[in-house]
PDB file of N, CA and C in Angstrom:
ATOM      1  N   GLN A   1    -207.628 213.573 -40.114  1.00  0.00           N
ATOM      2  CA  GLN A   1    -208.904 213.781 -40.273  1.00  0.00           C
ATOM      3  C   GLN A   1    -208.768 214.078 -41.945  1.00  0.00           C
ATOM      4  N   VAL A   2    -210.482 214.028 -42.434  1.00  0.00           N
ATOM      5  CA  VAL A   2    -210.025 214.092 -43.904  1.00  0.00           C
ATOM      6  C   VAL A   2    -210.760 215.230 -44.167  1.00  0.00           C
ATOM      7  N   GLN A   3    -210.076 215.870 -45.455  1.00  0.00           N
ATOM      8  CA  GLN A   3    -210.268 216.916 -45.707  1.00  0.00           C
ATOM      9  C   GLN A   3    -211.584 217.600 -46.808  1.00  0.00           C
ATOM     10  N   LEU A   4    -212.695 218.255 -46.673  1.00  0.00           N
ATOM     11  CA  LEU A   4    -213.731 218.118 -47.644  1.00  0.00           C
ATOM     12  C   LEU A   4    -214.020 219.130 -48.304  1.00  0.00           C
ATOM     13  N   VAL A   5    -214.525 219.659 -49.899  1.00  0.00           N
ATOM     14  CA  VAL A   5    -214.552 220.166 -50.572  1.00  0.00           C
ATOM     15  C   VAL A   5    -215.915 220.161 -51.013  1.00  0.00           C
ATOM     16  N   GLU A   6    -216.944 221.425 -50.745  1.00  0.00           N
ATOM     17  CA  GLU A   6    -218.245 220.902 -51.508  1.00  0.00           C
ATOM     18  C   GLU A   6    -217.919 221.763 -52.798  1.00  0.00           C
ATOM     19  N   SER A   7    -219.109 221.956 -53.787  1.00  0.00           N
ATOM     20  CA  SER A   7    -219.193 222.486 -54.720  1.00  0.00           C
ATOM     21  C   SER A   7    -220.879 222.375 -55.468  1.00  0.00           C
ATOM     22  N   GLY A   8    -221.212 223.376 -56.167  1.00  0.00           N
ATOM     23  CA  GLY A   8    -222.364 222.907 -56.818  1.00  0.00           C
ATOM     24  C   GLY A   8    -223.719 223.430 -56.332  1.00  0.00           C
ATOM     25  N   GLY A   9    -223.441 224.352 -55.283  1.00  0.00           N
ATOM     26  CA  GLY A   9    -224.589 225.034 -54.845  1.00  0.00           C
ATOM     27  C   GLY A   9    -224.980 226.313 -55.932  1.00  0.00           C
ATOM     28  N   GLY A  10    -226.118 227.267 -56.004  1.00  0.00           N
ATOM     29  CA  GLY A  10    -226.382 228.318 -56.632  1.00  0.00           C
ATOM     30  C   GLY A  10    -227.994 228.375 -56.630  1.00  0.00           C
ATOM     31  N   LEU A  11    -228.403 229.198 -57.445  1.00  0.00           N
ATOM     32  CA  LEU A  11    -229.597 229.693 -57.337  1.00  0.00           C
ATOM     33  C   LEU A  11    -230.505 229.131 -58.361  1.00  0.00           C
ATOM     34  N   VAL A  12    -231.655 228.575 -57.929  1.00  0.00           N
ATOM     35  CA  VAL A  12    -232.571 228.163 -58.822  1.00  0.00           C
ATOM     36  C   VAL A  12    -234.214 228.435 -58.504  1.00  0.00           C
ATOM     37  N   GLN A  13    -234.958 227.977 -59.060  1.00  0.00           N
ATOM     38  CA  GLN A  13    -236.436 228.111 -59.000  1.00  0.00           C
ATOM     39  C   GLN A  13    -236.706 226.912 -58.675  1.00  0.00           C
ATOM     40  N   ALA A  14    -238.282 226.864 -57.934  1.00  0.00           N
ATOM     41  CA  ALA A  14    -239.048 225.931 -57.229  1.00  0.00           C
ATOM     42  C   ALA A  14    -239.164 225.044 -58.651  1.00  0.00           C
ATOM     43  N   GLY A  15    -239.014 223.950 -58.500  1.00  0.00           N
ATOM     44  CA  GLY A  15    -239.383 222.745 -59.105  1.00  0.00           C
ATOM     45  C   GLY A  15    -237.796 222.329 -60.037  1.00  0.00           C
ATOM     46  N   ASP A  16    -236.875 223.010 -59.734  1.00  0.00           N
ATOM     47  CA  ASP A  16    -235.496 222.365 -60.641  1.00  0.00           C
ATOM     48  C   ASP A  16    -234.839 221.702 -59.979  1.00  0.00           C
ATOM     49  N   SER A  17    -233.820 221.551 -60.565  1.00  0.00           N
ATOM     50  CA  SER A  17    -232.697 220.345 -60.071  1.00  0.00           C
ATOM     51  C   SER A  17    -231.452 220.403 -59.604  1.00  0.00           C
ATOM     52  N   LEU A  18    -230.579 220.323 -58.735  1.00  0.00           N
ATOM     53  CA  LEU A  18    -229.173 220.841 -58.374  1.00  0.00           C
ATOM     54  C   LEU A  18    -228.673 219.451 -57.919  1.00  0.00           C
ATOM     55  N   ARG A  19    -227.113 219.342 -58.299  1.00  0.00           N
ATOM     56  CA  ARG A  19    -226.425 218.233 -57.564  1.00  0.00           C
ATOM     57  C   ARG A  19    -224.996 218.927 -57.160  1.00  0.00           C
ATOM     58  N   LEU A  20    -225.313 218.687 -55.861  1.00  0.00           N
ATOM     59  CA  LEU A  20    -224.072 219.027 -55.232  1.00  0.00           C
ATOM     60  C   LEU A  20    -222.840 217.765 -55.032  1.00  0.00           C
ATOM     61  N   SER A  21    -221.739 218.330 -54.999  1.00  0.00           N
ATOM     62  CA  SER A  21    -220.560 217.263 -55.054  1.00  0.00           C
ATOM     63  C   SER A  21    -219.437 217.627 -53.594  1.00  0.00           C
ATOM     64  N   CYS A  22    -219.270 216.758 -53.359  1.00  0.00           N
ATOM     65  CA  CYS A  22    -218.405 216.625 -52.055  1.00  0.00           C
ATOM     66  C   CYS A  22    -217.148 215.559 -52.554  1.00  0.00           C
ATOM     67  N   THR A  23    -215.623 216.253 -52.482  1.00  0.00           N
ATOM     68  CA  THR A  23    -214.618 215.689 -52.952  1.00  0.00           C
ATOM     69  C   THR A  23    -213.756 215.675 -51.314  1.00  0.00           C
ATOM     70  N   ALA A  24    -213.067 214.351 -51.046  1.00  0.00           N
ATOM     71  CA  ALA A  24    -212.669 214.032 -49.849  1.00  0.00           C
ATOM     72  C   ALA A  24    -211.110 213.681 -50.399  1.00  0.00           C
ATOM     73  N   SER A  25    -210.207 214.598 -49.386  1.00  0.00           N
ATOM     74  CA  SER A  25    -208.585 214.260 -49.437  1.00  0.00           C
ATOM     75  C   SER A  25    -207.988 213.946 -48.083  1.00  0.00           C
ATOM     76  N   GLY A  26    -206.943 213.466 -48.327  1.00  0.00           N
ATOM     77  CA  GLY A  26    -206.093 213.598 -47.105  1.00  0.00           C
ATOM     78  C   GLY A  26    -206.070 211.962 -46.385  1.00  0.00           C
ATOM     79  N   ARG A  27    -207.105 211.263 -47.036  1.00  0.00           N
ATOM     80  CA  ARG A  27    -207.129 210.072 -46.356  1.00  0.00           C
ATOM     81  C   ARG A  27    -207.984 209.111 -47.014  1.00  0.00           C
ATOM     82  N   THR A  28    -207.830 208.214 -46.793  1.00  0.00           N
ATOM     83  CA  THR A  28    -209.032 206.990 -47.798  1.00  0.00           C
ATOM     84  C   THR A  28    -210.421 207.226 -46.948  1.00  0.00           C
ATOM     85  N   VAL A  29    -211.733 207.324 -47.547  1.00  0.00           N
ATOM     86  CA  VAL A  29    -212.705 207.381 -47.033  1.00  0.00           C
ATOM     87  C   VAL A  29    -213.693 206.072 -47.098  1.00  0.00           C
ATOM     88  N   SER A  30    -212.640 204.741 -46.934  1.00  0.00           N
ATOM     89  CA  SER A  30    -213.434 203.485 -47.931  1.00  0.00           C
ATOM     90  C   SER A  30    -214.278 203.131 -46.394  1.00  0.00           C
ATOM     91  N   ASN A  31    -214.019 203.508 -44.655  1.00  0.00           N
ATOM     92  CA  ASN A  31    -214.539 203.031 -43.657  1.00  0.00           C
ATOM     93  C   ASN A  31    -214.965 204.406 -42.902  1.00  0.00           C
ATOM     94  N   TYR A  32    -215.550 205.424 -43.954  1.00  0.00           N
ATOM     95  CA  TYR A  32    -216.576 206.445 -43.535  1.00  0.00           C
ATOM     96  C   TYR A  32    -217.874 206.343 -43.765  1.00  0.00           C
ATOM     97  N   VAL A  33    -218.678 207.248 -42.862  1.00  0.00           N
ATOM     98  CA  VAL A  33    -220.101 207.598 -43.306  1.00  0.00           C
ATOM     99  C   VAL A  33    -220.203 208.913 -43.861  1.00  0.00           C
ATOM    100  N   MET A  34    -220.288 209.203 -44.944  1.00  0.00           N
ATOM    101  CA  MET A  34    -220.779 210.557 -45.370  1.00  0.00           C
ATOM    102  C   MET A  34    -221.723 211.131 -45.398  1.00  0.00           C
ATOM    103  N   ALA A  35    -222.263 212.488 -45.049  1.00  0.00           N
ATOM    104  CA  ALA A  35    -223.343 212.939 -45.263  1.00  0.00           C
ATOM    105  C   ALA A  35    -223.466 214.164 -45.547  1.00  0.00           C
ATOM    106  N   TRP A  36    -224.597 214.732 -45.438  1.00  0.00           N
ATOM    107  CA  TRP A  36    -225.044 216.296 -45.970  1.00  0.00           C
ATOM    108  C   TRP A  36    -225.993 216.518 -44.827  1.00  0.00           C
ATOM    109  N   PHE A  37    -225.582 217.922 -44.225  1.00  0.00           N
ATOM    110  CA  PHE A  37    -226.427 218.509 -43.256  1.00  0.00           C
ATOM    111  C   PHE A  37    -226.723 219.870 -43.994  1.00  0.00           C
ATOM    112  N   ARG A  38    -227.750 220.576 -43.556  1.00  0.00           N
ATOM    113  CA  ARG A  38    -227.915 221.725 -44.029  1.00  0.00           C
ATOM    114  C   ARG A  38    -228.327 223.091 -43.136  1.00  0.00           C
ATOM    115  N   GLN A  39    -227.958 224.373 -43.308  1.00  0.00           N
ATOM    116  CA  GLN A  39    -228.801 225.228 -41.989  1.00  0.00           C
ATOM    117  C   GLN A  39    -229.110 226.369 -42.582  1.00  0.00           C
ATOM    118  N   ALA A  40    -230.636 226.834 -42.544  1.00  0.00           N
ATOM    119  CA  ALA A  40    -231.266 227.738 -43.014  1.00  0.00           C
ATOM    120  C   ALA A  40    -230.920 228.973 -42.389  1.00  0.00           C
ATOM    121  N   PRO A  41    -231.125 229.945 -42.834  1.00  0.00           N
ATOM    122  CA  PRO A  41    -231.023 231.278 -41.854  1.00  0.00           C
ATOM    123  C   PRO A  41    -232.071 231.502 -40.347  1.00  0.00           C
ATOM    124  N   GLY A  42    -231.269 231.572 -39.537  1.00  0.00           N
ATOM    125  CA  GLY A  42    -232.173 231.624 -38.322  1.00  0.00           C
ATOM    126  C   GLY A  42    -232.411 230.279 -37.705  1.00  0.00           C
ATOM    127  N   LYS A  43    -232.232 229.112 -38.229  1.00  0.00           N
ATOM    128  CA  LYS A  43    -232.462 227.894 -38.137  1.00  0.00           C
ATOM    129  C   LYS A  43    -231.274 227.103 -37.701  1.00  0.00           C
ATOM    130  N   GLU A  44    -231.461 225.911 -36.815  1.00  0.00           N
ATOM    131  CA  GLU A  44    -230.506 224.906 -36.598  1.00  0.00           C
ATOM    132  C   GLU A  44    -230.054 223.979 -37.786  1.00  0.00           C
ATOM    133  N   ARG A  45    -229.166 223.660 -37.559  1.00  0.00           N
ATOM    134  CA  ARG A  45    -228.351 222.920 -38.697  1.00  0.00           C
ATOM    135  C   ARG A  45    -229.066 221.435 -38.276  1.00  0.00           C
ATOM    136  N   GLU A  46    -229.719 220.774 -39.743  1.00  0.00           N
ATOM    137  CA  GLU A  46    -230.358 219.552 -39.594  1.00  0.00           C
ATOM    138  C   GLU A  46    -229.630 218.742 -40.477  1.00  0.00           C
ATOM    139  N   PHE A  47    -229.972 217.416 -40.480  1.00  0.00           N
ATOM    140  CA  PHE A  47    -229.624 216.273 -40.841  1.00  0.00           C
ATOM    141  C   PHE A  47    -230.381 216.158 -42.116  1.00  0.00           C
ATOM    142  N   VAL A  48    -229.580 215.862 -43.299  1.00  0.00           N
ATOM    143  CA  VAL A  48    -230.245 215.771 -44.923  1.00  0.00           C
ATOM    144  C   VAL A  48    -230.385 213.888 -45.194  1.00  0.00           C
ATOM    145  N   ALA A  49    -229.226 213.435 -45.544  1.00  0.00           N
ATOM    146  CA  ALA A  49    -229.061 212.451 -46.073  1.00  0.00           C
ATOM    147  C   ALA A  49    -227.400 211.889 -45.710  1.00  0.00           C
ATOM    148  N   ARG A  50    -227.159 210.469 -45.523  1.00  0.00           N
ATOM    149  CA  ARG A  50    -226.028 209.984 -45.266  1.00  0.00           C
ATOM    150  C   ARG A  50    -225.862 208.682 -46.005  1.00  0.00           C
ATOM    151  N   ILE A  51    -224.558 208.285 -46.264  1.00  0.00           N
ATOM    152  CA  ILE A  51    -224.208 207.348 -46.861  1.00  0.00           C
ATOM    153  C   ILE A  51    -223.050 206.306 -46.253  1.00  0.00           C
ATOM    154  N   ASN A  52    -223.289 205.272 -46.114  1.00  0.00           N
ATOM    155  CA  ASN A  52    -221.924 204.257 -45.549  1.00  0.00           C
ATOM    156  C   ASN A  52    -221.058 204.111 -46.933  1.00  0.00           C
ATOM    157  N   TRP A  53    -219.684 204.543 -47.074  1.00  0.00           N
ATOM    158  CA  TRP A  53    -219.241 204.216 -48.021  1.00  0.00           C
ATOM    159  C   TRP A  53    -218.697 202.969 -48.218  1.00  0.00           C
ATOM    160  N   SER A  54    -218.754 202.034 -47.647  1.00  0.00           N
ATOM    161  CA  SER A  54    -218.236 200.468 -47.905  1.00  0.00           C
ATOM    162  C   SER A  54    -219.213 199.600 -48.306  1.00  0.00           C
ATOM    163  N   GLY A  55    -220.911 199.770 -48.000  1.00  0.00           N
ATOM    164  CA  GLY A  55    -221.769 199.425 -48.724  1.00  0.00           C
ATOM    165  C   GLY A  55    -222.635 200.225 -49.488  1.00  0.00           C
ATOM    166  N   GLY A  56    -222.832 201.325 -49.210  1.00  0.00           N
ATOM    167  CA  GLY A  56    -223.727 202.344 -49.899  1.00  0.00           C
ATOM    168  C   GLY A  56    -224.784 202.230 -49.728  1.00  0.00           C
ATOM    169  N   SER A  57    -225.227 201.750 -48.368  1.00  0.00           N
ATOM    170  CA  SER A  57    -226.551 202.256 -48.267  1.00  0.00           C
ATOM    171  C   SER A  57    -227.183 203.261 -47.844  1.00  0.00           C
ATOM    172  N   THR A  58    -227.865 203.777 -47.548  1.00  0.00           N
ATOM    173  CA  THR A  58    -228.251 205.533 -47.645  1.00  0.00           C
ATOM    174  C   THR A  58    -229.563 205.521 -46.564  1.00  0.00           C
ATOM    175  N   TYR A  59    -229.419 206.797 -45.965  1.00  0.00           N
ATOM    176  CA  TYR A  59    -230.858 207.159 -45.207  1.00  0.00           C
ATOM    177  C   TYR A  59    -230.790 208.566 -45.427  1.00  0.00           C
ATOM    178  N   TYR A  60    -232.280 208.702 -45.390  1.00  0.00           N
ATOM    179  CA  TYR A  60    -232.568 210.379 -45.506  1.00  0.00           C
ATOM    180  C   TYR A  60    -233.787 210.988 -44.724  1.00  0.00           C
ATOM    181  N   ALA A  61    -233.558 212.226 -44.378  1.00  0.00           N
ATOM    182  CA  ALA A  61    -234.408 212.684 -43.792  1.00  0.00           C
ATOM    183  C   ALA A  61    -235.819 213.041 -44.343  1.00  0.00           C
ATOM    184  N   ASP A  62    -236.844 212.771 -43.669  1.00  0.00           N
ATOM    185  CA  ASP A  62    -238.372 212.441 -44.230  1.00  0.00           C
ATOM    186  C   ASP A  62    -238.745 214.185 -45.274  1.00  0.00           C
ATOM    187  N   SER A  63    -237.837 215.097 -44.623  1.00  0.00           N
ATOM    188  CA  SER A  63    -238.225 216.152 -45.774  1.00  0.00           C
ATOM    189  C   SER A  63    -237.759 216.294 -47.009  1.00  0.00           C
ATOM    190  N   VAL A  64    -236.493 214.835 -47.253  1.00  0.00           N
ATOM    191  CA  VAL A  64    -235.920 215.144 -48.468  1.00  0.00           C
ATOM    192  C   VAL A  64    -236.428 213.683 -49.454  1.00  0.00           C
ATOM    193  N   LYS A  65    -236.817 213.290 -48.696  1.00  0.00           N
ATOM    194  CA  LYS A  65    -236.940 211.486 -48.942  1.00  0.00           C
ATOM    195  C   LYS A  65    -237.810 211.467 -50.164  1.00  0.00           C
ATOM    196  N   GLY A  66    -237.253 210.794 -51.262  1.00  0.00           N
ATOM    197  CA  GLY A  66    -237.894 210.888 -52.903  1.00  0.00           C
ATOM    198  C   GLY A  66    -237.944 212.188 -53.781  1.00  0.00           C
ATOM    199  N   ARG A  67    -236.899 212.855 -53.148  1.00  0.00           N
ATOM    200  CA  ARG A  67    -236.505 214.070 -54.009  1.00  0.00           C
ATOM    201  C   ARG A  67    -234.799 213.952 -54.006  1.00  0.00           C
ATOM    202  N   PHE A  68    -234.260 213.909 -52.831  1.00  0.00           N
ATOM    203  CA  PHE A  68    -232.868 213.927 -52.611  1.00  0.00           C
ATOM    204  C   PHE A  68    -232.491 212.562 -53.056  1.00  0.00           C
ATOM    205  N   THR A  69    -231.324 212.536 -53.545  1.00  0.00           N
ATOM    206  CA  THR A  69    -230.304 211.148 -53.726  1.00  0.00           C
ATOM    207  C   THR A  69    -229.308 211.345 -53.646  1.00  0.00           C
ATOM    208  N   MET A  70    -228.683 210.504 -52.590  1.00  0.00           N
ATOM    209  CA  MET A  70    -226.950 210.358 -52.594  1.00  0.00           C
ATOM    210  C   MET A  70    -226.239 209.207 -53.068  1.00  0.00           C
ATOM    211  N   SER A  71    -225.508 209.780 -53.420  1.00  0.00           N
ATOM    212  CA  SER A  71    -224.273 208.351 -54.026  1.00  0.00           C
ATOM    213  C   SER A  71    -222.890 208.771 -53.925  1.00  0.00           C
ATOM    214  N   ARG A  72    -222.401 207.909 -53.948  1.00  0.00           N
ATOM    215  CA  ARG A  72    -220.735 207.699 -53.896  1.00  0.00           C
ATOM    216  C   ARG A  72    -219.896 207.814 -55.326  1.00  0.00           C
ATOM    217  N   ASP A  73    -218.606 207.894 -55.535  1.00  0.00           N
ATOM    218  CA  ASP A  73    -217.705 207.785 -56.458  1.00  0.00           C
ATOM    219  C   ASP A  73    -216.537 207.431 -55.796  1.00  0.00           C
ATOM    220  N   GLY A  74    -216.424 206.423 -55.944  1.00  0.00           N
ATOM    221  CA  GLY A  74    -214.890 205.851 -55.439  1.00  0.00           C
ATOM    222  C   GLY A  74    -213.866 206.169 -56.331  1.00  0.00           C
ATOM    223  N   ALA A  75    -213.768 206.250 -57.370  1.00  0.00           N
ATOM    224  CA  ALA A  75    -212.530 206.605 -58.279  1.00  0.00           C
ATOM    225  C   ALA A  75    -211.970 208.066 -58.111  1.00  0.00           C
ATOM    226  N   LYS A  76    -213.463 208.661 -57.565  1.00  0.00           N
ATOM    227  CA  LYS A  76    -212.943 210.323 -57.554  1.00  0.00           C
ATOM    228  C   LYS A  76    -213.229 210.884 -56.275  1.00  0.00           C
ATOM    229  N   ASN A  77    -213.434 209.694 -55.222  1.00  0.00           N
ATOM    230  CA  ASN A  77    -213.596 210.210 -53.720  1.00  0.00           C
ATOM    231  C   ASN A  77    -214.498 211.131 -53.162  1.00  0.00           C
ATOM    232  N   THR A  78    -215.462 211.201 -54.210  1.00  0.00           N
ATOM    233  CA  THR A  78    -216.452 212.256 -53.996  1.00  0.00           C
ATOM    234  C   THR A  78    -217.854 211.743 -53.978  1.00  0.00           C
ATOM    235  N   VAL A  79    -218.645 212.377 -53.006  1.00  0.00           N
ATOM    236  CA  VAL A  79    -220.473 212.080 -52.754  1.00  0.00           C
ATOM    237  C   VAL A  79    -220.925 212.946 -53.387  1.00  0.00           C
ATOM    238  N   TYR A  80    -221.974 212.722 -54.118  1.00  0.00           N
ATOM    239  CA  TYR A  80    -223.124 213.598 -54.555  1.00  0.00           C
ATOM    240  C   TYR A  80    -224.246 213.865 -53.655  1.00  0.00           C
ATOM    241  N   LEU A  81    -224.773 214.804 -53.851  1.00  0.00           N
ATOM    242  CA  LEU A  81    -226.527 214.915 -53.453  1.00  0.00           C
ATOM    243  C   LEU A  81    -227.304 215.470 -54.692  1.00  0.00           C
ATOM    244  N   GLN A  82    -227.837 214.505 -54.984  1.00  0.00           N
ATOM    245  CA  GLN A  82    -228.814 215.062 -56.169  1.00  0.00           C
ATOM    246  C   GLN A  82    -229.983 215.445 -55.784  1.00  0.00           C
ATOM    247  N   MET A  83    -230.426 216.668 -55.986  1.00  0.00           N
ATOM    248  CA  MET A  83    -231.849 217.271 -55.375  1.00  0.00           C
ATOM    249  C   MET A  83    -232.527 217.771 -56.428  1.00  0.00           C
ATOM    250  N   ASN A  84    -233.736 216.878 -56.691  1.00  0.00           N
ATOM    251  CA  ASN A  84    -234.806 217.331 -57.892  1.00  0.00           C
ATOM    252  C   ASN A  84    -236.233 217.837 -56.837  1.00  0.00           C
ATOM    253  N   SER A  85    -237.125 218.391 -57.724  1.00  0.00           N
ATOM    254  CA  SER A  85    -238.178 219.312 -56.815  1.00  0.00           C
ATOM    255  C   SER A  85    -237.876 219.863 -55.978  1.00  0.00           C
ATOM    256  N   LEU A  86    -236.829 221.071 -56.186  1.00  0.00           N
ATOM    257  CA  LEU A  86    -236.522 221.946 -55.264  1.00  0.00           C
ATOM    258  C   LEU A  86    -237.764 222.798 -54.933  1.00  0.00           C
ATOM    259  N   LYS A  87    -237.673 222.634 -53.494  1.00  0.00           N
ATOM    260  CA  LYS A  87    -238.709 223.810 -52.679  1.00  0.00           C
ATOM    261  C   LYS A  87    -238.096 225.064 -52.098  1.00  0.00           C
ATOM    262  N   PRO A  88    -238.802 226.041 -52.259  1.00  0.00           N
ATOM    263  CA  PRO A  88    -238.072 227.428 -50.986  1.00  0.00           C
ATOM    264  C   PRO A  88    -237.551 226.988 -50.104  1.00  0.00           C
ATOM    265  N   GLU A  89    -238.079 226.163 -49.481  1.00  0.00           N
ATOM    266  CA  GLU A  89    -237.774 225.941 -47.988  1.00  0.00           C
ATOM    267  C   GLU A  89    -236.473 224.752 -47.979  1.00  0.00           C
ATOM    268  N   ASP A  90    -235.852 224.483 -49.259  1.00  0.00           N
ATOM    269  CA  ASP A  90    -234.574 223.871 -49.555  1.00  0.00           C
ATOM    270  C   ASP A  90    -233.747 224.516 -48.943  1.00  0.00           C
ATOM    271  N   THR A  91    -233.881 225.736 -49.343  1.00  0.00           N
ATOM    272  CA  THR A  91    -232.601 227.099 -49.359  1.00  0.00           C
ATOM    273  C   THR A  91    -231.959 227.057 -47.794  1.00  0.00           C
ATOM    274  N   ALA A  92    -230.995 227.069 -48.321  1.00  0.00           N
ATOM    275  CA  ALA A  92    -229.872 226.729 -47.274  1.00  0.00           C
ATOM    276  C   ALA A  92    -228.337 226.401 -47.646  1.00  0.00           C
ATOM    277  N   VAL A  93    -227.546 226.816 -46.276  1.00  0.00           N
ATOM    278  CA  VAL A  93    -226.043 226.785 -46.600  1.00  0.00           C
ATOM    279  C   VAL A  93    -226.223 224.956 -46.482  1.00  0.00           C
ATOM    280  N   TYR A  94    -225.352 224.301 -47.580  1.00  0.00           N
ATOM    281  CA  TYR A  94    -225.360 222.874 -47.351  1.00  0.00           C
ATOM    282  C   TYR A  94    -223.873 222.284 -46.770  1.00  0.00           C
ATOM    283  N   TYR A  95    -223.672 221.394 -45.900  1.00  0.00           N
ATOM    284  CA  TYR A  95    -222.730 220.959 -45.583  1.00  0.00           C
ATOM    285  C   TYR A  95    -222.267 219.597 -45.663  1.00  0.00           C
ATOM    286  N   CYS A  96    -220.960 219.249 -46.294  1.00  0.00           N
ATOM    287  CA  CYS A  96    -220.745 217.941 -46.461  1.00  0.00           C
ATOM    288  C   CYS A  96    -220.002 217.823 -44.572  1.00  0.00           C
ATOM    289  N   ALA A  97    -220.207 216.140 -44.569  1.00  0.00           N
ATOM    290  CA  ALA A  97    -219.276 215.928 -42.977  1.00  0.00           C
ATOM    291  C   ALA A  97    -219.268 214.539 -43.133  1.00  0.00           C
ATOM    292  N   GLY A  98    -218.170 214.002 -42.408  1.00  0.00           N
ATOM    293  CA  GLY A  98    -217.479 212.627 -42.513  1.00  0.00           C
ATOM    294  C   GLY A  98    -216.877 212.162 -41.345  1.00  0.00           C
ATOM    295  N   ARG A  99    -217.633 210.845 -41.250  1.00  0.00           N
ATOM    296  CA  ARG A  99    -216.970 210.234 -39.878  1.00  0.00           C
ATOM    297  C   ARG A  99    -216.346 209.068 -39.996  1.00  0.00           C
ATOM    298  N   LEU A 100    -215.455 208.215 -39.419  1.00  0.00           N
ATOM    299  CA  LEU A 100    -215.393 207.073 -39.075  1.00  0.00           C
ATOM    300  C   LEU A 100    -216.481 206.176 -38.976  1.00  0.00           C
ATOM    301  N   ASP A 101    -216.742 204.946 -39.645  1.00  0.00           N
ATOM    302  CA  ASP A 101    -218.073 204.420 -39.338  1.00  0.00           C
ATOM    303  C   ASP A 101    -217.875 203.810 -37.894  1.00  0.00           C
ATOM    304  N   ILE A 102    -216.892 203.548 -36.934  1.00  0.00           N
ATOM    305  CA  ILE A 102    -217.051 203.211 -35.654  1.00  0.00           C
ATOM    306  C   ILE A 102    -217.591 204.252 -34.944  1.00  0.00           C
ATOM    307  N   ASN A 103    -217.221 205.544 -35.362  1.00  0.00           N
ATOM    308  CA  ASN A 103    -217.327 206.793 -34.471  1.00  0.00           C
ATOM    309  C   ASN A 103    -218.970 207.369 -34.526  1.00  0.00           C
ATOM    310  N   ARG A 104    -219.399 208.151 -33.466  1.00  0.00           N
ATOM    311  CA  ARG A 104    -220.661 208.559 -33.610  1.00  0.00           C
ATOM    312  C   ARG A 104    -220.799 210.175 -34.113  1.00  0.00           C
ATOM    313  N   ASP A 105    -220.056 210.960 -33.970  1.00  0.00           N
ATOM    314  CA  ASP A 105    -219.933 211.901 -34.185  1.00  0.00           C
ATOM    315  C   ASP A 105    -219.218 212.224 -35.194  1.00  0.00           C
ATOM    316  N   PHE A 106    -219.456 213.506 -36.353  1.00  0.00           N
ATOM    317  CA  PHE A 106    -218.274 213.716 -37.651  1.00  0.00           C
ATOM    318  C   PHE A 106    -217.838 214.621 -36.893  1.00  0.00           C
ATOM    319  N   GLY A 107    -216.600 214.087 -37.492  1.00  0.00           N
ATOM    320  CA  GLY A 107    -215.326 215.249 -37.127  1.00  0.00           C
ATOM    321  C   GLY A 107    -215.041 216.080 -38.151  1.00  0.00           C
ATOM    322  N   SER A 108    -215.166 215.583 -39.462  1.00  0.00           N
ATOM    323  CA  SER A 108    -214.822 216.329 -40.758  1.00  0.00           C
ATOM    324  C   SER A 108    -215.633 216.933 -41.527  1.00  0.00           C
ATOM    325  N   TRP A 109    -215.605 218.383 -41.731  1.00  0.00           N
ATOM    326  CA  TRP A 109    -216.921 219.296 -42.166  1.00  0.00           C
ATOM    327  C   TRP A 109    -215.959 220.023 -43.497  1.00  0.00           C
ATOM    328  N   GLY A 110    -216.991 220.352 -44.177  1.00  0.00           N
ATOM    329  CA  GLY A 110    -216.441 221.074 -45.458  1.00  0.00           C
ATOM    330  C   GLY A 110    -216.947 222.612 -45.483  1.00  0.00           C
ATOM    331  N   GLN A 111    -216.621 223.690 -46.054  1.00  0.00           N
ATOM    332  CA  GLN A 111    -216.981 225.337 -45.967  1.00  0.00           C
ATOM    333  C   GLN A 111    -218.309 225.058 -46.230  1.00  0.00           C
ATOM    334  N   GLY A 112    -218.720 224.754 -46.779  1.00  0.00           N
ATOM    335  CA  GLY A 112    -220.656 224.811 -46.921  1.00  0.00           C
ATOM    336  C   GLY A 112    -220.618 225.310 -48.590  1.00  0.00           C
ATOM    337  N   THR A 113    -221.795 225.127 -48.938  1.00  0.00           N
ATOM    338  CA  THR A 113    -222.224 225.722 -50.322  1.00  0.00           C
ATOM    339  C   THR A 113    -223.662 226.098 -50.194  1.00  0.00           C
ATOM    340  N   GLN A 114    -223.841 227.552 -50.676  1.00  0.00           N
ATOM    341  CA  GLN A 114    -225.131 227.651 -50.773  1.00  0.00           C
ATOM    342  C   GLN A 114    -226.414 227.263 -51.792  1.00  0.00           C
ATOM    343  N   VAL A 115    -227.533 227.039 -51.133  1.00  0.00           N
ATOM    344  CA  VAL A 115    -228.513 226.488 -52.410  1.00  0.00           C
ATOM    345  C   VAL A 115    -229.492 227.412 -51.960  1.00  0.00           C
ATOM    346  N   THR A 116    -230.242 228.247 -52.988  1.00  0.00           N
ATOM    347  CA  THR A 116    -230.803 229.151 -52.838  1.00  0.00           C
ATOM    348  C   THR A 116    -232.070 228.647 -53.551  1.00  0.00           C
ATOM    349  N   VAL A 117    -233.712 228.441 -53.444  1.00  0.00           N
ATOM    350  CA  VAL A 117    -234.563 228.302 -54.277  1.00  0.00           C
ATOM    351  C   VAL A 117    -235.598 229.442 -54.336  1.00  0.00           C
ATOM    352  N   SER A 118    -235.941 229.935 -55.376  1.00  0.00           N
ATOM    353  CA  SER A 118    -236.776 230.993 -55.622  1.00  0.00           C
ATOM    354  C   SER A 118    -238.051 230.242 -55.958  1.00  0.00           C
ATOM    355  N   SER A 119    -239.184 230.995 -55.454  1.00  0.00           N
ATOM    356  CA  SER A 119    -240.385 230.445 -55.678  1.00  0.00           C
ATOM    357  C   SER A 119    -241.046 231.278 -56.746  1.00  0.00           C
TER     358      SER A 119
END
């Protein structure tokens, strides 16, 4: 399994931007699908975005489409989540996850990073 470490969370105001990073180690992720999930207090974890490492194609949840952008840097083995026009409802713990592109379930998870958006 690949090890994932997130960073970049923090406290911001509504309308601000924030960039999360997730660095992978332990094995190559060239055949991985990487994703961001989030979990708000009292709510279930929800999908935010994903990227196919090999081709770079991305997919977003409707709630973040047009505001969030996921990207990757092969040289750094890192994926990013650029979050713009943040809203209070984006407040959550954000988790990075990875799976082999032939698998359905995400088997590797980071420890999470807190994002808090004040109104």
